[in-house]
Amino acid sequence: MTTGRVLCVDDDAQVRRVIARVLESAGHECVAAADADEARALLDDEPFSVVLCDINLPGRSGLELLREVRTDHPDVATLVVTGRDDPTIADRALHLGAFGYVTKPFAPNDLLIDLSNALHRRRLEAERRLASERAVREAYVETLSRLSRAVEYHDGETGAHIERVGEHAATIARALDLDEAHVELIRLAAPLHDIGKIGVPADLLNKRGPLDGEERRLMQTHTELGNELLGGSGNELLDLAATIAWTHHERWDGNGYPRGLRGDEIPLEGRIVAIADVFDAITSDRPYRAARSVDEAIAVIASQRGKGFDPDVVDAFLGGRP
């Protein structure tokens, strides 16, 4: 039988002790609370699988607690155990997400069966939610990938370049000992670093000679446009992509653009993608020059340690720390 960590909420100490004995005899861990406020404090501080809740509690009712659990702790199953055999209240409890309604006095096996069913439903719902979240994330990531590739058709870049920047950035982030979830966000967000180039004329992007002052100013607007296109959604991945688009041309010494940020004023992700982008740009063909060797690219980046680039990020890129 599946066991879980159960929070028993009842103002009767004897009932709490009886429920605890029944649950613990079946291998469950039971923690007790005398009212809704105590239960809420425990839920906010500790993990639970199921809340067993009486309806009639001192202060706030058990129904209020059920509502809060459904809103603030959706992964926690709820089961009502009460002395009121009232179909109306039972219906309200089930409407608020309770997985069962047990009337006192109860047989121990009845309680254990209802608890087992609640744990089983909780697991199934968690699996369905996870599958749904994965499907949405996969679709979302694919949409971002296609969006980043829209730049290809405008400025002549290849999808391989866009993907390589993401992989280089992830490698640097991992060398900096960032946690794996953060590394993955950077890997997914980095390919959108130049999305703002959609707003730059294609003939300027593909110009073979050097840019004049006005052309350079127009080219630099792609950072701000990228931030405008991606920012403000409240989505973690898009917001990070906006930050990278806005800051990957800033320089450690403050001589970058668009805002002239210096040192740690530049978000770490922008400092990482700055190096990943430059490395891949140097080692790739451009309309105005042929690709250069990896050794040349490494030398250029090393020469900018503490100037254009964050020293720690350069060291991570080079594969070691001083």
Foldseek 3Di string as FASTA:
>chain_A
DDEWEEEEEALDPVVLVVLCVLRVVVPYHYDYHNALVRVVVCVVPDDTAEYEAEQDGPDDGRLVSLLCCVVPPVLHAYEYEYQDPDPVVQVSSVVSHHQYHHHPPDDSVVVVVSVVSRSVVSVVVVVVVVVVVVVVVVVVLVVLLVLLCVVCVQAVDDSVLLQQLLVQLLLLCVLVVDDPVVSVLLSSLLSLLQSLCVVPHNCLSQPQDDDDPVSVVSSQCSLVSSLVVQPDPPDPSSNVSNLLNNQLQAFQCQPGDDPSDHHPVRPPSSLSSNLSNQQSVQQCCGSHGHHDDSVVSLVVLVVCDNNRHDVSSNQSSVPHDD
